[in-house]
Amino acid sequence: MDYFEKPRESCGLFGIYGYYRHLEAAKLTYFGLYALQHRGQESCGIAVVRNNNIVGHNGMGLVPDVFDITHLEHLEGKEE
């Protein structure tokens, strides 16, 4: 079996949850994932709940390579 075909279990998970919506939740999550990326550098993603739907962005690579300010601004967790 090739390295890329084997399951890997190292990962980091960061979440923000609360009764009140935090408008900067995606940005805070970005920094949380950045701090945890030593746990798994293969891919990352952020999802927020907006209008009772899950909206997200993910990709292969390090946190700064997958997200830019445009992605984080789009991932505001408030109702539109």
PDB file of N, CA and C in Angstrom:
ATOM      1  N   MET A   1       0.839  -1.175   0.000  1.00  0.00           N
ATOM      2  CA  MET A   1       0.000   0.000   0.000  1.00  0.00           C
ATOM      3  C   MET A   1       0.892   1.249   0.000  1.00  0.00           C
ATOM      4  N   ASP A   2       0.580   2.183  -0.834  1.00  0.00           N
ATOM      5  CA  ASP A   2       1.300   3.446  -0.930  1.00  0.00           C
ATOM      6  C   ASP A   2       0.981   4.333   0.275  1.00  0.00           C
ATOM      7  N   TYR A   3       1.901   5.239   0.641  1.00  0.00           N
ATOM      8  CA  TYR A   3       1.701   6.139   1.775  1.00  0.00           C
ATOM      9  C   TYR A   3       0.375   6.899   1.666  1.00  0.00           C
ATOM     10  N   PHE A   4       0.060   7.370   0.475  1.00  0.00           N
ATOM     11  CA  PHE A   4      -1.144   8.182   0.301  1.00  0.00           C
ATOM     12  C   PHE A   4      -2.429   7.364   0.363  1.00  0.00           C
ATOM     13  N   GLU A   5      -2.331   6.052   0.316  1.00  0.00           N
ATOM     14  CA  GLU A   5      -3.512   5.202   0.405  1.00  0.00           C
ATOM     15  C   GLU A   5      -3.805   4.778   1.842  1.00  0.00           C
ATOM     16  N   LYS A   6      -2.883   5.042   2.751  1.00  0.00           N
ATOM     17  CA  LYS A   6      -3.061   4.647   4.144  1.00  0.00           C
ATOM     18  C   LYS A   6      -3.822   5.729   4.914  1.00  0.00           C
ATOM     19  N   PRO A   7      -4.694   5.330   5.806  1.00  0.00           N
ATOM     20  CA  PRO A   7      -5.367   6.335   6.635  1.00  0.00           C
ATOM     21  C   PRO A   7      -4.383   6.966   7.609  1.00  0.00           C
ATOM     22  N   ARG A   8      -4.563   8.263   7.816  1.00  0.00           N
ATOM     23  CA  ARG A   8      -3.735   8.985   8.782  1.00  0.00           C
ATOM     24  C   ARG A   8      -4.668   9.580   9.830  1.00  0.00           C
ATOM     25  N   GLU A   9      -4.252   9.515  11.077  1.00  0.00           N
ATOM     26  CA  GLU A   9      -5.143   9.917  12.152  1.00  0.00           C
ATOM     27  C   GLU A   9      -4.714  11.178  12.875  1.00  0.00           C
ATOM     28  N   SER A  10      -3.592  11.780  12.501  1.00  0.00           N
ATOM     29  CA  SER A  10      -3.167  13.013  13.153  1.00  0.00           C
ATOM     30  C   SER A  10      -4.012  14.166  12.633  1.00  0.00           C
ATOM     31  N   CYS A  11      -4.639  14.878  13.546  1.00  0.00           N
ATOM     32  CA  CYS A  11      -5.428  16.029  13.123  1.00  0.00           C
ATOM     33  C   CYS A  11      -5.625  16.952  14.314  1.00  0.00           C
ATOM     34  N   GLY A  12      -6.020  18.161  14.018  1.00  0.00           N
ATOM     35  CA  GLY A  12      -6.387  19.114  15.040  1.00  0.00           C
ATOM     36  C   GLY A  12      -7.807  19.567  14.781  1.00  0.00           C
ATOM     37  N   LEU A  13      -8.544  19.837  15.823  1.00  0.00           N
ATOM     38  CA  LEU A  13      -9.926  20.275  15.691  1.00  0.00           C
ATOM     39  C   LEU A  13     -10.111  21.477  16.592  1.00  0.00           C
ATOM     40  N   PHE A  14     -10.748  22.501  16.064  1.00  0.00           N
ATOM     41  CA  PHE A  14     -10.984  23.718  16.825  1.00  0.00           C
ATOM     42  C   PHE A  14     -12.401  24.173  16.539  1.00  0.00           C
ATOM     43  N   GLY A  15     -13.142  24.556  17.549  1.00  0.00           N
ATOM     44  CA  GLY A  15     -14.510  24.993  17.331  1.00  0.00           C
ATOM     45  C   GLY A  15     -14.912  26.116  18.257  1.00  0.00           C
ATOM     46  N   ILE A  16     -15.882  26.861  17.800  1.00  0.00           N
ATOM     47  CA  ILE A  16     -16.485  27.931  18.598  1.00  0.00           C
ATOM     48  C   ILE A  16     -17.980  27.681  18.593  1.00  0.00           C
ATOM     49  N   TYR A  17     -18.577  27.669  19.768  1.00  0.00           N
ATOM     50  CA  TYR A  17     -20.001  27.412  19.875  1.00  0.00           C
ATOM     51  C   TYR A  17     -20.571  28.322  20.946  1.00  0.00           C
ATOM     52  N   GLY A  18     -21.745  28.798  20.727  1.00  0.00           N
ATOM     53  CA  GLY A  18     -22.376  29.597  21.757  1.00  0.00           C
ATOM     54  C   GLY A  18     -23.765  30.018  21.355  1.00  0.00           C
ATOM     55  N   TYR A  19     -24.527  30.444  22.340  1.00  0.00           N
ATOM     56  CA  TYR A  19     -25.895  30.894  22.091  1.00  0.00           C
ATOM     57  C   TYR A  19     -25.891  32.139  21.213  1.00  0.00           C
ATOM     58  N   TYR A  20     -24.991  33.064  21.523  1.00  0.00           N
ATOM     59  CA  TYR A  20     -24.894  34.293  20.734  1.00  0.00           C
ATOM     60  C   TYR A  20     -23.895  34.088  19.609  1.00  0.00           C
ATOM     61  N   ARG A  21     -24.232  34.583  18.450  1.00  0.00           N
ATOM     62  CA  ARG A  21     -23.336  34.457  17.297  1.00  0.00           C
ATOM     63  C   ARG A  21     -22.150  35.385  17.477  1.00  0.00           C
ATOM     64  N   HIS A  22     -20.989  34.886  17.143  1.00  0.00           N
ATOM     65  CA  HIS A  22     -19.784  35.699  17.180  1.00  0.00           C
ATOM     66  C   HIS A  22     -19.418  36.042  15.748  1.00  0.00           C
ATOM     67  N   LEU A  23     -19.457  37.329  15.399  1.00  0.00           N
ATOM     68  CA  LEU A  23     -19.218  37.738  14.018  1.00  0.00           C
ATOM     69  C   LEU A  23     -17.807  37.418  13.544  1.00  0.00           C
ATOM     70  N   GLU A  24     -16.873  37.272  14.452  1.00  0.00           N
ATOM     71  CA  GLU A  24     -15.484  36.977  14.097  1.00  0.00           C
ATOM     72  C   GLU A  24     -15.158  35.501  14.298  1.00  0.00           C
ATOM     73  N   ALA A  25     -16.155  34.639  14.361  1.00  0.00           N
ATOM     74  CA  ALA A  25     -15.924  33.222  14.648  1.00  0.00           C
ATOM     75  C   ALA A  25     -14.987  32.575  13.630  1.00  0.00           C
ATOM     76  N   ALA A  26     -15.142  32.868  12.351  1.00  0.00           N
ATOM     77  CA  ALA A  26     -14.282  32.265  11.324  1.00  0.00           C
ATOM     78  C   ALA A  26     -12.835  32.726  11.495  1.00  0.00           C
ATOM     79  N   LYS A  27     -12.637  34.001  11.813  1.00  0.00           N
ATOM     80  CA  LYS A  27     -11.273  34.517  12.003  1.00  0.00           C
ATOM     81  C   LYS A  27     -10.632  33.907  13.248  1.00  0.00           C
ATOM     82  N   LEU A  28     -11.394  33.786  14.329  1.00  0.00           N
ATOM     83  CA  LEU A  28     -10.866  33.147  15.532  1.00  0.00           C
ATOM     84  C   LEU A  28     -10.549  31.671  15.273  1.00  0.00           C
ATOM     85  N   THR A  29     -11.386  31.013  14.492  1.00  0.00           N
ATOM     86  CA  THR A  29     -11.146  29.614  14.142  1.00  0.00           C
ATOM     87  C   THR A  29      -9.893  29.484  13.293  1.00  0.00           C
ATOM     88  N   TYR A  30      -9.673  30.416  12.383  1.00  0.00           N
ATOM     89  CA  TYR A  30      -8.456  30.430  11.563  1.00  0.00           C
ATOM     90  C   TYR A  30      -7.216  30.390  12.460  1.00  0.00           C
ATOM     91  N   PHE A  31      -7.174  31.262  13.453  1.00  0.00           N
ATOM     92  CA  PHE A  31      -6.014  31.307  14.343  1.00  0.00           C
ATOM     93  C   PHE A  31      -5.913  30.059  15.211  1.00  0.00           C
ATOM     94  N   GLY A  32      -7.049  29.506  15.605  1.00  0.00           N
ATOM     95  CA  GLY A  32      -7.037  28.246  16.349  1.00  0.00           C
ATOM     96  C   GLY A  32      -6.483  27.109  15.512  1.00  0.00           C
ATOM     97  N   LEU A  33      -6.915  27.020  14.249  1.00  0.00           N
ATOM     98  CA  LEU A  33      -6.393  25.986  13.350  1.00  0.00           C
ATOM     99  C   LEU A  33      -4.914  26.194  13.079  1.00  0.00           C
ATOM    100  N   TYR A  34      -4.515  27.444  12.927  1.00  0.00           N
ATOM    101  CA  TYR A  34      -3.097  27.752  12.691  1.00  0.00           C
ATOM    102  C   TYR A  34      -2.242  27.246  13.855  1.00  0.00           C
ATOM    103  N   ALA A  35      -2.734  27.448  15.067  1.00  0.00           N
ATOM    104  CA  ALA A  35      -2.004  26.998  16.247  1.00  0.00           C
ATOM    105  C   ALA A  35      -1.950  25.470  16.344  1.00  0.00           C
ATOM    106  N   LEU A  36      -2.944  24.794  15.773  1.00  0.00           N
ATOM    107  CA  LEU A  36      -3.009  23.334  15.848  1.00  0.00           C
ATOM    108  C   LEU A  36      -2.472  22.625  14.608  1.00  0.00           C
ATOM    109  N   GLN A  37      -2.011  23.357  13.607  1.00  0.00           N
ATOM    110  CA  GLN A  37      -1.697  22.702  12.344  1.00  0.00           C
ATOM    111  C   GLN A  37      -0.526  21.725  12.446  1.00  0.00           C
ATOM    112  N   HIS A  38       0.230  21.769  13.519  1.00  0.00           N
ATOM    113  CA  HIS A  38       1.282  20.764  13.706  1.00  0.00           C
ATOM    114  C   HIS A  38       0.686  19.368  13.889  1.00  0.00           C
ATOM    115  N   ARG A  39      -0.618  19.283  14.199  1.00  0.00           N
ATOM    116  CA  ARG A  39      -1.297  17.996  14.366  1.00  0.00           C
ATOM    117  C   ARG A  39      -1.630  17.337  13.038  1.00  0.00           C
ATOM    118  N   GLY A  40      -1.693  18.122  11.987  1.00  0.00           N
ATOM    119  CA  GLY A  40      -1.999  17.597  10.665  1.00  0.00           C
ATOM    120  C   GLY A  40      -1.887  18.706   9.642  1.00  0.00           C
ATOM    121  N   GLN A  41      -0.980  18.555   8.701  1.00  0.00           N
ATOM    122  CA  GLN A  41      -0.711  19.630   7.755  1.00  0.00           C
ATOM    123  C   GLN A  41      -1.218  19.308   6.352  1.00  0.00           C
ATOM    124  N   GLU A  42      -2.052  18.310   6.251  1.00  0.00           N
ATOM    125  CA  GLU A  42      -2.509  17.856   4.947  1.00  0.00           C
ATOM    126  C   GLU A  42      -3.616  18.726   4.364  1.00  0.00           C
ATOM    127  N   SER A  43      -4.572  19.095   5.200  1.00  0.00           N
ATOM    128  CA  SER A  43      -5.692  19.892   4.725  1.00  0.00           C
ATOM    129  C   SER A  43      -6.353  20.582   5.908  1.00  0.00           C
ATOM    130  N   CYS A  44      -7.257  21.524   5.603  1.00  0.00           N
ATOM    131  CA  CYS A  44      -7.972  22.223   6.664  1.00  0.00           C
ATOM    132  C   CYS A  44      -9.285  22.753   6.107  1.00  0.00           C
ATOM    133  N   GLY A  45     -10.177  23.136   6.992  1.00  0.00           N
ATOM    134  CA  GLY A  45     -11.457  23.686   6.576  1.00  0.00           C
ATOM    135  C   GLY A  45     -12.138  24.401   7.722  1.00  0.00           C
ATOM    136  N   ILE A  46     -13.020  25.320   7.366  1.00  0.00           N
ATOM    137  CA  ILE A  46     -13.822  26.056   8.344  1.00  0.00           C
ATOM    138  C   ILE A  46     -15.258  26.048   7.841  1.00  0.00           C
ATOM    139  N   ALA A  47     -16.198  25.808   8.747  1.00  0.00           N
ATOM    140  CA  ALA A  47     -17.620  25.864   8.412  1.00  0.00           C
ATOM    141  C   ALA A  47     -18.339  26.695   9.455  1.00  0.00           C
ATOM    142  N   VAL A  48     -19.328  27.443   9.022  1.00  0.00           N
ATOM    143  CA  VAL A  48     -20.162  28.252   9.910  1.00  0.00           C
ATOM    144  C   VAL A  48     -21.618  27.974   9.584  1.00  0.00           C
ATOM    145  N   VAL A  49     -22.496  28.292  10.531  1.00  0.00           N
ATOM    146  CA  VAL A  49     -23.927  28.174  10.293  1.00  0.00           C
ATOM    147  C   VAL A  49     -24.457  29.572   9.990  1.00  0.00           C
ATOM    148  N   ARG A  50     -25.143  29.681   8.861  1.00  0.00           N
ATOM    149  CA  ARG A  50     -25.739  30.951   8.453  1.00  0.00           C
ATOM    150  C   ARG A  50     -27.116  30.658   7.868  1.00  0.00           C
ATOM    151  N   ASN A  51     -28.128  31.303   8.390  1.00  0.00           N
ATOM    152  CA  ASN A  51     -29.507  31.086   7.926  1.00  0.00           C
ATOM    153  C   ASN A  51     -29.881  29.607   7.977  1.00  0.00           C
ATOM    154  N   ASN A  52     -29.486  28.935   9.050  1.00  0.00           N
ATOM    155  CA  ASN A  52     -29.767  27.510   9.254  1.00  0.00           C
ATOM    156  C   ASN A  52     -29.137  26.603   8.206  1.00  0.00           C
ATOM    157  N   ASN A  53     -28.119  27.076   7.514  1.00  0.00           N
ATOM    158  CA  ASN A  53     -27.360  26.275   6.554  1.00  0.00           C
ATOM    159  C   ASN A  53     -25.889  26.287   6.941  1.00  0.00           C
ATOM    160  N   ILE A  54     -25.191  25.228   6.602  1.00  0.00           N
ATOM    161  CA  ILE A  54     -23.752  25.167   6.844  1.00  0.00           C
ATOM    162  C   ILE A  54     -23.041  25.672   5.600  1.00  0.00           C
ATOM    163  N   VAL A  55     -22.197  26.700   5.787  1.00  0.00           N
ATOM    164  CA  VAL A  55     -21.410  27.286   4.711  1.00  0.00           C
ATOM    165  C   VAL A  55     -19.949  27.068   5.079  1.00  0.00           C
ATOM    166  N   GLY A  56     -19.134  26.612   4.134  1.00  0.00           N
ATOM    167  CA  GLY A  56     -17.751  26.333   4.475  1.00  0.00           C
ATOM    168  C   GLY A  56     -16.789  26.502   3.324  1.00  0.00           C
ATOM    169  N   HIS A  57     -15.529  26.407   3.673  1.00  0.00           N
ATOM    170  CA  HIS A  57     -14.440  26.423   2.703  1.00  0.00           C
ATOM    171  C   HIS A  57     -13.364  25.486   3.229  1.00  0.00           C
ATOM    172  N   ASN A  58     -12.791  24.664   2.357  1.00  0.00           N
ATOM    173  CA  ASN A  58     -11.699  23.781   2.757  1.00  0.00           C
ATOM    174  C   ASN A  58     -10.773  23.573   1.575  1.00  0.00           C
ATOM    175  N   GLY A  59      -9.609  23.025   1.864  1.00  0.00           N
ATOM    176  CA  GLY A  59      -8.657  22.764   0.805  1.00  0.00           C
ATOM    177  C   GLY A  59      -7.443  22.020   1.328  1.00  0.00           C
ATOM    178  N   MET A  60      -6.618  21.594   0.403  1.00  0.00           N
ATOM    179  CA  MET A  60      -5.390  20.883   0.735  1.00  0.00           C
ATOM    180  C   MET A  60      -4.291  21.896   1.029  1.00  0.00           C
ATOM    181  N   GLY A  61      -3.513  21.648   2.076  1.00  0.00           N
ATOM    182  CA  GLY A  61      -2.381  22.501   2.391  1.00  0.00           C
ATOM    183  C   GLY A  61      -2.467  23.112   3.771  1.00  0.00           C
ATOM    184  N   LEU A  62      -1.525  23.994   4.039  1.00  0.00           N
ATOM    185  CA  LEU A  62      -1.444  24.683   5.326  1.00  0.00           C
ATOM    186  C   LEU A  62      -2.534  25.750   5.432  1.00  0.00           C
ATOM    187  N   VAL A  63      -2.872  26.109   6.652  1.00  0.00           N
ATOM    188  CA  VAL A  63      -3.947  27.066   6.907  1.00  0.00           C
ATOM    189  C   VAL A  63      -3.763  28.367   6.110  1.00  0.00           C
ATOM    190  N   PRO A  64      -2.569  29.004   6.130  1.00  0.00           N
ATOM    191  CA  PRO A  64      -2.429  30.264   5.375  1.00  0.00           C
ATOM    192  C   PRO A  64      -2.505  30.078   3.862  1.00  0.00           C
ATOM    193  N   ASP A  65      -2.278  28.862   3.390  1.00  0.00           N
ATOM    194  CA  ASP A  65      -2.360  28.606   1.951  1.00  0.00           C
ATOM    195  C   ASP A  65      -3.791  28.364   1.492  1.00  0.00           C
ATOM    196  N   VAL A  66      -4.649  27.924   2.388  1.00  0.00           N
ATOM    197  CA  VAL A  66      -6.035  27.589   2.034  1.00  0.00           C
ATOM    198  C   VAL A  66      -6.962  28.792   2.198  1.00  0.00           C
ATOM    199  N   PHE A  67      -6.692  29.652   3.184  1.00  0.00           N
ATOM    200  CA  PHE A  67      -7.584  30.768   3.485  1.00  0.00           C
ATOM    201  C   PHE A  67      -6.906  32.105   3.234  1.00  0.00           C
ATOM    202  N   ASP A  68      -7.677  33.046   2.727  1.00  0.00           N
ATOM    203  CA  ASP A  68      -7.256  34.440   2.704  1.00  0.00           C
ATOM    204  C   ASP A  68      -8.394  35.259   3.318  1.00  0.00           C
ATOM    205  N   ILE A  69      -8.219  36.556   3.409  1.00  0.00           N
ATOM    206  CA  ILE A  69      -9.205  37.398   4.096  1.00  0.00           C
ATOM    207  C   ILE A  69     -10.578  37.325   3.418  1.00  0.00           C
ATOM    208  N   THR A  70     -10.602  37.128   2.108  1.00  0.00           N
ATOM    209  CA  THR A  70     -11.867  37.032   1.384  1.00  0.00           C
ATOM    210  C   THR A  70     -12.680  35.829   1.847  1.00  0.00           C
ATOM    211  N   HIS A  71     -12.011  34.680   2.030  1.00  0.00           N
ATOM    212  CA  HIS A  71     -12.695  33.485   2.521  1.00  0.00           C
ATOM    213  C   HIS A  71     -13.260  33.731   3.915  1.00  0.00           C
ATOM    214  N   LEU A  72     -12.453  34.325   4.781  1.00  0.00           N
ATOM    215  CA  LEU A  72     -12.884  34.532   6.163  1.00  0.00           C
ATOM    216  C   LEU A  72     -14.042  35.515   6.249  1.00  0.00           C
ATOM    217  N   GLU A  73     -14.041  36.546   5.426  1.00  0.00           N
ATOM    218  CA  GLU A  73     -15.149  37.494   5.430  1.00  0.00           C
ATOM    219  C   GLU A  73     -16.437  36.839   4.931  1.00  0.00           C
ATOM    220  N   HIS A  74     -16.328  35.925   3.982  1.00  0.00           N
ATOM    221  CA  HIS A  74     -17.493  35.200   3.461  1.00  0.00           C
ATOM    222  C   HIS A  74     -18.063  34.239   4.503  1.00  0.00           C
ATOM    223  N   LEU A  75     -17.248  33.810   5.453  1.00  0.00           N
ATOM    224  CA  LEU A  75     -17.663  32.810   6.437  1.00  0.00           C
ATOM    225  C   LEU A  75     -18.188  33.431   7.728  1.00  0.00           C
ATOM    226  N   GLU A  76     -18.750  34.619   7.658  1.00  0.00           N
ATOM    227  CA  GLU A  76     -19.363  35.187   8.858  1.00  0.00           C
ATOM    228  C   GLU A  76     -20.546  34.341   9.262  1.00  0.00           C
ATOM    229  N   GLY A  77     -20.661  34.093  10.547  1.00  0.00           N
ATOM    230  CA  GLY A  77     -21.718  33.222  11.042  1.00  0.00           C
ATOM    231  C   GLY A  77     -23.010  33.919  11.385  1.00  0.00           C
ATOM    232  N   LYS A  78     -23.232  35.093  10.863  1.00  0.00           N
ATOM    233  CA  LYS A  78     -24.467  35.816  11.187  1.00  0.00           C
ATOM    234  C   LYS A  78     -25.534  35.557  10.139  1.00  0.00           C
ATOM    235  N   GLU A  79     -26.750  35.862  10.505  1.00  0.00           N
ATOM    236  CA  GLU A  79     -27.846  35.754   9.543  1.00  0.00           C
ATOM    237  C   GLU A  79     -27.800  36.956   8.615  1.00  0.00           C
ATOM    238  N   GLU A  80     -28.062  36.709   7.352  1.00  0.00           N
ATOM    239  CA  GLU A  80     -28.067  37.800   6.368  1.00  0.00           C
ATOM    240  C   GLU A  80     -29.452  38.361   6.177  1.00  0.00           C
TER     241      GLU A  80
END
